N, C-alpha and C. Protein backbone atom coordinates (compact mmCIF):
# COMPACT_ATOMS: atom_id res chain seq x y z
N GLN A 1 -105.51 -56.25 32.86
CA GLN A 1 -104.54 -55.11 32.51
C GLN A 1 -104.38 -53.38 33.92
N VAL A 2 -103.72 -53.22 34.33
CA VAL A 2 -103.05 -52.46 35.00
C VAL A 2 -103.18 -51.78 35.21
N GLN A 3 -104.07 -50.58 35.94
CA GLN A 3 -104.64 -49.04 35.82
C GLN A 3 -104.48 -48.68 37.00
N LEU A 4 -103.93 -47.00 36.73
CA LEU A 4 -104.19 -45.75 38.42
C LEU A 4 -105.24 -45.46 37.21
N VAL A 5 -106.65 -44.82 37.76
CA VAL A 5 -107.28 -43.44 37.50
C VAL A 5 -107.29 -42.93 38.02
N GLU A 6 -106.77 -41.58 37.26
CA GLU A 6 -106.67 -40.56 38.91
C GLU A 6 -107.94 -39.14 38.07
N SER A 7 -107.54 -38.33 39.42
CA SER A 7 -109.12 -37.10 39.23
C SER A 7 -108.93 -36.16 40.25
N GLY A 8 -109.55 -35.19 40.36
CA GLY A 8 -109.52 -34.39 41.20
C GLY A 8 -108.58 -32.55 41.07
N GLY A 9 -108.36 -32.62 40.41
CA GLY A 9 -107.58 -31.58 39.96
C GLY A 9 -108.25 -30.76 39.57
N GLY A 10 -107.35 -28.92 39.16
CA GLY A 10 -108.28 -28.14 39.21
C GLY A 10 -107.70 -26.91 39.15
N LEU A 11 -108.72 -25.43 39.48
CA LEU A 11 -107.85 -24.39 39.49
C LEU A 11 -108.55 -23.87 41.07
N VAL A 12 -107.36 -23.06 42.05
CA VAL A 12 -107.83 -23.52 43.31
C VAL A 12 -106.98 -22.27 43.38
N GLN A 13 -107.46 -21.38 44.39
CA GLN A 13 -107.24 -19.16 44.76
C GLN A 13 -106.76 -20.32 46.35
N PRO A 14 -105.11 -19.32 46.08
CA PRO A 14 -104.30 -19.78 47.02
C PRO A 14 -104.99 -19.42 48.41
N GLY A 15 -104.37 -20.68 48.98
CA GLY A 15 -104.99 -20.70 49.93
C GLY A 15 -106.65 -22.00 50.29
N GLY A 16 -107.09 -22.39 48.99
CA GLY A 16 -107.73 -23.51 48.84
C GLY A 16 -107.55 -24.30 49.26
N SER A 17 -108.04 -25.06 48.62
CA SER A 17 -108.23 -26.87 48.84
C SER A 17 -108.17 -27.58 47.85
N LEU A 18 -107.41 -28.61 48.04
CA LEU A 18 -108.37 -29.99 46.77
C LEU A 18 -108.04 -30.98 46.81
N SER A 19 -108.02 -32.00 46.39
CA SER A 19 -108.44 -33.44 46.99
C SER A 19 -107.86 -34.39 45.50
N LEU A 20 -107.20 -35.07 45.29
CA LEU A 20 -107.39 -35.65 44.29
C LEU A 20 -107.56 -37.14 45.04
N SER A 21 -107.86 -38.38 44.04
CA SER A 21 -108.00 -39.28 43.92
C SER A 21 -107.84 -40.52 42.87
N CYS A 22 -107.17 -41.73 43.15
CA CYS A 22 -106.75 -42.46 42.62
C CYS A 22 -107.11 -43.67 42.24
N VAL A 23 -107.64 -44.26 41.18
CA VAL A 23 -108.10 -46.02 41.96
C VAL A 23 -106.92 -46.35 41.07
N VAL A 24 -106.70 -47.65 41.66
CA VAL A 24 -105.38 -48.97 41.47
C VAL A 24 -106.01 -49.94 41.16
N SER A 25 -105.97 -50.13 39.89
CA SER A 25 -106.00 -51.65 40.21
C SER A 25 -105.85 -52.55 40.92
N GLN A 26 -107.11 -53.12 41.59
CA GLN A 26 -106.90 -54.62 42.32
C GLN A 26 -105.51 -55.41 42.89
N SER A 27 -105.35 -55.74 41.78
CA SER A 27 -104.31 -56.34 41.71
C SER A 27 -102.26 -56.20 42.09
N ILE A 28 -102.64 -54.95 42.29
CA ILE A 28 -101.50 -53.67 42.45
C ILE A 28 -101.64 -53.75 44.05
N PHE A 29 -102.99 -53.15 44.48
CA PHE A 29 -103.10 -52.42 45.63
C PHE A 29 -103.06 -53.54 46.90
N SER A 30 -101.57 -53.20 47.07
CA SER A 30 -101.35 -54.51 48.47
C SER A 30 -100.55 -53.07 49.37
N ARG A 31 -100.69 -53.96 50.73
CA ARG A 31 -100.41 -53.38 51.77
C ARG A 31 -98.89 -52.81 51.64
N HIS A 32 -98.45 -54.52 50.86
CA HIS A 32 -97.05 -54.33 50.64
C HIS A 32 -96.52 -53.66 49.91
N ALA A 33 -96.89 -53.01 48.49
CA ALA A 33 -96.66 -52.32 48.45
C ALA A 33 -96.26 -50.35 48.50
N LEU A 34 -96.14 -49.90 47.34
CA LEU A 34 -95.56 -48.26 47.81
C LEU A 34 -96.67 -48.08 47.43
N MET A 35 -97.44 -46.76 47.31
CA MET A 35 -98.36 -46.14 46.41
C MET A 35 -97.32 -44.17 47.45
N GLY A 36 -97.37 -43.41 46.23
CA GLY A 36 -97.39 -42.30 46.89
C GLY A 36 -98.30 -41.36 45.45
N TRP A 37 -97.80 -40.25 45.84
CA TRP A 37 -97.65 -38.93 44.90
C TRP A 37 -96.48 -38.31 44.18
N TYR A 38 -96.43 -37.89 43.39
CA TYR A 38 -95.45 -37.54 42.80
C TYR A 38 -96.54 -35.90 41.51
N ARG A 39 -95.40 -35.44 41.37
CA ARG A 39 -95.33 -33.90 40.90
C ARG A 39 -94.18 -33.05 39.92
N GLN A 40 -95.10 -32.64 39.33
CA GLN A 40 -94.40 -32.27 37.79
C GLN A 40 -94.72 -30.92 37.91
N ALA A 41 -93.80 -29.86 38.07
CA ALA A 41 -93.78 -28.26 37.36
C ALA A 41 -93.21 -28.07 36.03
N PRO A 42 -93.87 -27.51 35.07
CA PRO A 42 -93.15 -26.69 34.54
C PRO A 42 -92.30 -26.36 34.36
N ALA A 43 -90.68 -27.54 33.75
CA ALA A 43 -88.89 -26.88 33.53
C ALA A 43 -88.80 -26.98 34.34
N LYS A 44 -89.48 -28.26 34.94
CA LYS A 44 -88.81 -29.01 36.36
C LYS A 44 -88.09 -30.61 37.09
N GLU A 45 -88.03 -31.05 37.34
CA GLU A 45 -88.03 -32.25 37.24
C GLU A 45 -89.36 -33.08 37.80
N ARG A 46 -90.18 -34.49 37.44
CA ARG A 46 -90.88 -34.57 38.89
C ARG A 46 -90.24 -35.66 40.64
N GLU A 47 -91.06 -35.10 41.29
CA GLU A 47 -90.51 -35.07 43.08
C GLU A 47 -91.66 -35.50 43.20
N LEU A 48 -91.10 -36.29 44.43
CA LEU A 48 -92.01 -36.67 45.13
C LEU A 48 -92.75 -35.89 46.58
N VAL A 49 -93.98 -35.94 46.36
CA VAL A 49 -95.00 -35.39 47.12
C VAL A 49 -95.68 -35.96 48.28
N ALA A 50 -95.77 -37.63 48.41
CA ALA A 50 -96.56 -38.23 49.92
C ALA A 50 -96.72 -39.90 49.02
N THR A 51 -96.08 -40.51 50.27
CA THR A 51 -95.74 -41.66 50.03
C THR A 51 -96.53 -42.48 51.09
N PHE A 52 -96.79 -43.83 51.13
CA PHE A 52 -96.38 -44.72 52.13
C PHE A 52 -95.92 -45.74 51.87
N THR A 53 -94.86 -46.23 52.69
CA THR A 53 -94.33 -47.11 52.46
C THR A 53 -94.43 -48.35 52.64
N SER A 54 -93.56 -49.25 52.28
CA SER A 54 -94.90 -50.86 52.22
C SER A 54 -94.89 -51.26 53.77
N GLY A 55 -94.23 -50.49 54.37
CA GLY A 55 -95.02 -50.78 56.38
C GLY A 55 -96.08 -50.52 56.66
N GLY A 56 -96.47 -49.14 55.67
CA GLY A 56 -97.89 -48.63 56.00
C GLY A 56 -97.95 -47.33 56.61
N SER A 57 -96.10 -46.57 56.81
CA SER A 57 -96.31 -45.27 57.26
C SER A 57 -96.00 -44.18 56.23
N ARG A 58 -96.70 -43.27 56.89
CA ARG A 58 -96.56 -41.65 55.20
C ARG A 58 -95.88 -41.16 55.85
N THR A 59 -94.89 -40.45 54.70
CA THR A 59 -93.79 -39.60 54.09
C THR A 59 -94.52 -38.61 53.78
N TYR A 60 -93.42 -37.75 54.37
CA TYR A 60 -93.89 -35.62 53.38
C TYR A 60 -93.22 -35.58 52.66
N ALA A 61 -92.69 -34.56 51.66
CA ALA A 61 -91.74 -33.67 51.48
C ALA A 61 -91.93 -32.80 52.64
N ASP A 62 -91.00 -31.45 52.74
CA ASP A 62 -90.87 -30.68 53.39
C ASP A 62 -91.83 -29.53 52.83
N SER A 63 -91.80 -29.48 51.75
CA SER A 63 -92.34 -28.36 51.65
C SER A 63 -94.03 -28.75 51.32
N VAL A 64 -94.51 -29.81 52.00
CA VAL A 64 -95.79 -29.50 52.06
C VAL A 64 -96.53 -30.48 53.23
N LYS A 65 -95.07 -30.89 53.95
CA LYS A 65 -95.90 -31.21 55.72
C LYS A 65 -96.71 -29.94 56.00
N GLY A 66 -97.75 -31.25 56.42
CA GLY A 66 -98.94 -30.17 57.51
C GLY A 66 -99.53 -29.54 56.48
N ARG A 67 -99.50 -29.42 55.56
CA ARG A 67 -101.02 -29.13 54.58
C ARG A 67 -101.44 -29.79 53.89
N PHE A 68 -100.51 -31.58 53.66
CA PHE A 68 -101.31 -32.16 52.99
C PHE A 68 -101.40 -33.90 53.43
N THR A 69 -102.56 -34.37 53.34
CA THR A 69 -102.68 -35.63 53.68
C THR A 69 -102.60 -36.97 52.93
N ILE A 70 -101.46 -37.77 52.82
CA ILE A 70 -102.50 -38.87 52.01
C ILE A 70 -102.64 -40.64 52.74
N SER A 71 -103.78 -40.56 51.98
CA SER A 71 -104.92 -41.89 52.61
C SER A 71 -105.11 -42.98 51.93
N ARG A 72 -105.67 -43.87 51.84
CA ARG A 72 -105.84 -44.53 51.12
C ARG A 72 -107.54 -45.63 51.57
N ASP A 73 -108.26 -46.15 50.66
CA ASP A 73 -108.42 -46.83 51.17
C ASP A 73 -108.90 -47.91 50.50
N THR A 74 -109.14 -49.03 51.47
CA THR A 74 -108.67 -50.41 51.56
C THR A 74 -110.13 -50.57 50.69
N LEU A 75 -111.16 -51.03 50.77
CA LEU A 75 -112.30 -51.29 50.55
C LEU A 75 -112.27 -50.86 48.35
N THR A 76 -112.15 -50.07 48.26
CA THR A 76 -112.15 -48.92 46.95
C THR A 76 -111.25 -49.25 45.83
N ASN A 77 -109.76 -49.64 46.75
CA ASN A 77 -108.81 -49.69 45.48
C ASN A 77 -108.50 -48.34 45.83
N THR A 78 -108.13 -46.51 46.36
CA THR A 78 -108.20 -46.40 46.28
C THR A 78 -107.64 -45.34 47.08
N LEU A 79 -106.34 -44.51 46.63
CA LEU A 79 -105.79 -43.95 47.00
C LEU A 79 -105.64 -42.42 46.47
N TYR A 80 -105.92 -41.53 47.90
CA TYR A 80 -106.21 -39.60 48.56
C TYR A 80 -104.91 -38.89 48.62
N LEU A 81 -105.40 -38.02 47.95
CA LEU A 81 -103.96 -36.60 48.08
C LEU A 81 -105.19 -35.43 48.63
N LEU A 82 -104.97 -34.97 49.85
CA LEU A 82 -105.75 -34.14 50.41
C LEU A 82 -104.80 -32.82 50.53
N MET A 83 -105.35 -31.70 49.82
CA MET A 83 -104.08 -30.12 49.95
C MET A 83 -105.01 -29.82 50.11
N ASN A 84 -104.44 -29.21 51.29
CA ASN A 84 -104.80 -28.14 51.63
C ASN A 84 -104.21 -26.41 52.25
N ASN A 85 -104.53 -25.16 52.55
CA ASN A 85 -103.54 -24.05 52.25
C ASN A 85 -102.72 -24.17 50.99
N LEU A 86 -103.30 -23.90 49.46
CA LEU A 86 -102.20 -24.51 48.36
C LEU A 86 -101.17 -23.22 48.18
N LYS A 87 -100.33 -23.54 47.34
CA LYS A 87 -100.37 -21.85 47.07
C LYS A 87 -98.98 -22.13 45.16
N PRO A 88 -98.88 -21.32 45.15
CA PRO A 88 -99.41 -21.22 43.68
C PRO A 88 -97.84 -22.09 42.96
N GLU A 89 -96.45 -22.03 44.29
CA GLU A 89 -95.97 -22.98 44.10
C GLU A 89 -96.01 -24.59 43.83
N ASP A 90 -97.60 -25.15 44.60
CA ASP A 90 -98.29 -26.58 44.44
C ASP A 90 -98.48 -26.96 42.52
N THR A 91 -98.57 -25.89 41.87
CA THR A 91 -99.18 -25.40 40.59
C THR A 91 -97.95 -26.53 39.27
N ALA A 92 -98.31 -27.63 39.32
CA ALA A 92 -97.59 -28.90 38.94
C ALA A 92 -99.07 -30.31 38.45
N VAL A 93 -98.09 -31.29 37.84
CA VAL A 93 -99.22 -32.37 37.04
C VAL A 93 -98.65 -33.25 38.72
N TYR A 94 -100.21 -33.82 39.06
CA TYR A 94 -99.68 -35.00 39.88
C TYR A 94 -99.58 -36.32 39.10
N TYR A 95 -99.53 -37.32 39.12
CA TYR A 95 -98.93 -38.42 39.18
C TYR A 95 -98.97 -39.22 40.29
N CYS A 96 -100.24 -40.71 40.26
CA CYS A 96 -99.88 -41.32 41.16
C CYS A 96 -98.90 -42.18 40.89
N ASN A 97 -98.53 -43.16 41.77
CA ASN A 97 -97.62 -44.25 41.38
C ASN A 97 -97.51 -45.48 42.63
N VAL A 98 -97.42 -46.29 41.93
CA VAL A 98 -97.49 -47.89 42.75
C VAL A 98 -96.22 -48.60 42.48
N GLN A 99 -95.60 -48.88 43.18
CA GLN A 99 -94.23 -49.79 42.91
C GLN A 99 -94.72 -51.05 43.85
N TYR A 100 -94.66 -52.28 42.99
CA TYR A 100 -94.81 -53.40 43.94
C TYR A 100 -94.53 -54.50 42.94
N LEU A 101 -93.45 -55.81 43.65
CA LEU A 101 -93.42 -56.47 42.56
C LEU A 101 -92.10 -55.97 41.85
N GLY A 102 -90.71 -55.61 42.35
CA GLY A 102 -90.57 -55.04 40.82
C GLY A 102 -91.14 -54.08 39.87
N SER A 103 -92.08 -53.99 39.48
CA SER A 103 -92.72 -52.66 38.53
C SER A 103 -93.29 -52.19 39.52
N VAL A 104 -93.02 -50.63 38.89
CA VAL A 104 -93.72 -49.74 38.68
C VAL A 104 -94.40 -49.06 37.93
N TYR A 105 -95.28 -48.17 38.72
CA TYR A 105 -96.96 -47.25 37.25
C TYR A 105 -97.70 -46.66 37.91
N TRP A 106 -97.67 -45.93 37.08
CA TRP A 106 -98.18 -44.18 36.96
C TRP A 106 -99.13 -43.91 36.68
N GLY A 107 -100.46 -43.08 37.35
CA GLY A 107 -101.04 -43.19 36.84
C GLY A 107 -100.93 -41.54 35.51
N GLN A 108 -102.05 -41.00 35.11
CA GLN A 108 -102.67 -40.05 33.55
C GLN A 108 -101.56 -38.78 34.42
N GLY A 109 -101.79 -38.54 34.96
CA GLY A 109 -101.62 -37.01 35.36
C GLY A 109 -103.07 -36.36 36.29
N THR A 110 -102.96 -35.38 36.55
CA THR A 110 -104.39 -34.17 37.00
C THR A 110 -103.00 -33.21 36.77
N GLN A 111 -103.96 -32.25 36.56
CA GLN A 111 -103.35 -31.02 36.40
C GLN A 111 -103.87 -30.20 37.56
N VAL A 112 -102.79 -29.35 38.71
CA VAL A 112 -103.58 -28.33 39.89
C VAL A 112 -102.38 -27.52 39.39
N THR A 113 -103.59 -25.91 39.25
CA THR A 113 -102.93 -25.07 39.56
C THR A 113 -103.76 -24.03 40.44
N VAL A 114 -102.63 -22.93 40.62
CA VAL A 114 -102.88 -22.55 42.30
C VAL A 114 -102.84 -21.43 41.42
N GLY A 115 -103.18 -20.21 41.17
CA GLY A 115 -103.99 -18.99 41.54
C GLY A 115 -105.18 -18.24 41.38
N SER A 116 -104.89 -16.99 40.81
CA SER A 116 -106.25 -15.82 41.70
C SER A 116 -107.08 -16.02 40.18
């Protein structure tokens, strides 16, 4: 059974940092897969935050460039999102995503709230 298990969300003050983790089933944790993070704020559509392309390059939404960093650990099958200098507009539910061999997989989501 394929699983994506996220952790690391929470409440943080503006300017603070959080790190999200997503443990991915080994069967789909491939360097040929698309892996990334999306987020969905209340009353808004889900949007791409950061991703590894199938070639291994990193891409970021303009709104998070220079503040967020996506990384992965092939030994533990874990995808990470390090978020620095967080802003209130970063408040959302964050989802990890893997696209592999024609299938799309989602994590359960983790809430990130930026506020005082």
